[in-house]
């Protein structure tokens, strides 16, 4: 849960720090990848707990 929240913050910081959204910012990429990976992990843990 903490990883997903941290990823969302990194994504937001990466968007704010970008001069233009056409060029990828490393924090934006890291935040987006973390959001997907931690989201899949959270879904997997939910399914295994059922």
C-alpha atoms as a PDB file:
ATOM      1  CA  UNK A   1       0.000   0.000   0.000  1.00  0.00           C
ATOM      2  CA  UNK A   2       2.844   2.370   0.836  1.00  0.00           C
ATOM      3  CA  UNK A   3       4.539   1.540  -2.473  1.00  0.00           C
ATOM      4  CA  UNK A   4       1.406   2.368  -4.454  1.00  0.00           C
ATOM      5  CA  UNK A   5       1.006   5.682  -2.645  1.00  0.00           C
ATOM      6  CA  UNK A   6       4.676   6.546  -3.150  1.00  0.00           C
ATOM      7  CA  UNK A   7       4.363   5.736  -6.845  1.00  0.00           C
ATOM      8  CA  UNK A   8       1.388   8.057  -7.185  1.00  0.00           C
ATOM      9  CA  UNK A   9       3.345  10.858  -5.517  1.00  0.00           C
ATOM     10  CA  UNK A  10       6.311  10.250  -7.836  1.00  0.00           C
ATOM     11  CA  UNK A  11       3.982  10.407 -10.823  1.00  0.00           C
ATOM     12  CA  UNK A  12       2.511  13.707  -9.656  1.00  0.00           C
ATOM     13  CA  UNK A  13       5.938  15.207  -8.932  1.00  0.00           C
ATOM     14  CA  UNK A  14       7.158  14.077 -12.348  1.00  0.00           C
ATOM     15  CA  UNK A  15       4.222  15.779 -14.036  1.00  0.00           C
ATOM     16  CA  UNK A  16       4.737  18.993 -12.086  1.00  0.00           C
ATOM     17  CA  UNK A  17       8.496  19.063 -12.735  1.00  0.00           C
ATOM     18  CA  UNK A  18       8.160  18.458 -16.488  1.00  0.00           C
ATOM     19  CA  UNK A  19       8.584  21.497 -18.642  1.00  0.00           C
ATOM     20  CA  UNK A  20       6.421  19.846 -21.292  1.00  0.00           C
ATOM     21  CA  UNK A  21       4.436  16.637 -21.215  1.00  0.00           C
ATOM     22  CA  UNK A  22       5.761  15.647 -24.642  1.00  0.00           C
ATOM     23  CA  UNK A  23       9.139  14.672 -23.179  1.00  0.00           C
ATOM     24  CA  UNK A  24       9.121  11.846 -20.626  1.00  0.00           C
ATOM     25  CA  UNK A  25      10.425  12.726 -17.176  1.00  0.00           C
ATOM     26  CA  UNK A  26      12.139   9.892 -15.235  1.00  0.00           C
ATOM     27  CA  UNK A  27       9.974  10.395 -12.146  1.00  0.00           C
ATOM     28  CA  UNK A  28       6.847  10.264 -14.263  1.00  0.00           C
ATOM     29  CA  UNK A  29       7.916   6.993 -15.863  1.00  0.00           C
ATOM     30  CA  UNK A  30       8.932   5.476 -12.522  1.00  0.00           C
ATOM     31  CA  UNK A  31       5.677   6.575 -10.898  1.00  0.00           C
ATOM     32  CA  UNK A  32       3.558   5.172 -13.717  1.00  0.00           C
ATOM     33  CA  UNK A  33       5.370   1.822 -13.711  1.00  0.00           C
ATOM     34  CA  UNK A  34       5.160   1.606  -9.934  1.00  0.00           C
ATOM     35  CA  UNK A  35       1.452   2.392 -10.003  1.00  0.00           C
ATOM     36  CA  UNK A  36       0.771  -0.470 -12.403  1.00  0.00           C
ATOM     37  CA  UNK A  37       3.047  -2.956 -10.637  1.00  0.00           C
ATOM     38  CA  UNK A  38       1.811  -2.212  -7.134  1.00  0.00           C
ATOM     39  CA  UNK A  39      -1.780  -2.150  -8.398  1.00  0.00           C
ATOM     40  CA  UNK A  40      -1.361  -5.637  -9.843  1.00  0.00           C
ATOM     41  CA  UNK A  41       0.222  -6.777  -6.600  1.00  0.00           C
ATOM     42  CA  UNK A  42      -2.680  -5.392  -4.580  1.00  0.00           C
ATOM     43  CA  UNK A  43      -5.180  -7.137  -6.884  1.00  0.00           C
ATOM     44  CA  UNK A  44      -3.273 -10.393  -6.551  1.00  0.00           C
ATOM     45  CA  UNK A  45      -3.243 -10.185  -2.765  1.00  0.00           C
ATOM     46  CA  UNK A  46      -6.954  -9.455  -2.771  1.00  0.00           C
ATOM     47  CA  UNK A  47      -7.680 -12.507  -4.924  1.00  0.00           C
ATOM     48  CA  UNK A  48      -5.537 -14.795  -2.793  1.00  0.00           C
ATOM     49  CA  UNK A  49      -7.233 -13.627   0.399  1.00  0.00           C
ATOM     50  CA  UNK A  50     -10.686 -14.595  -0.868  1.00  0.00           C
END
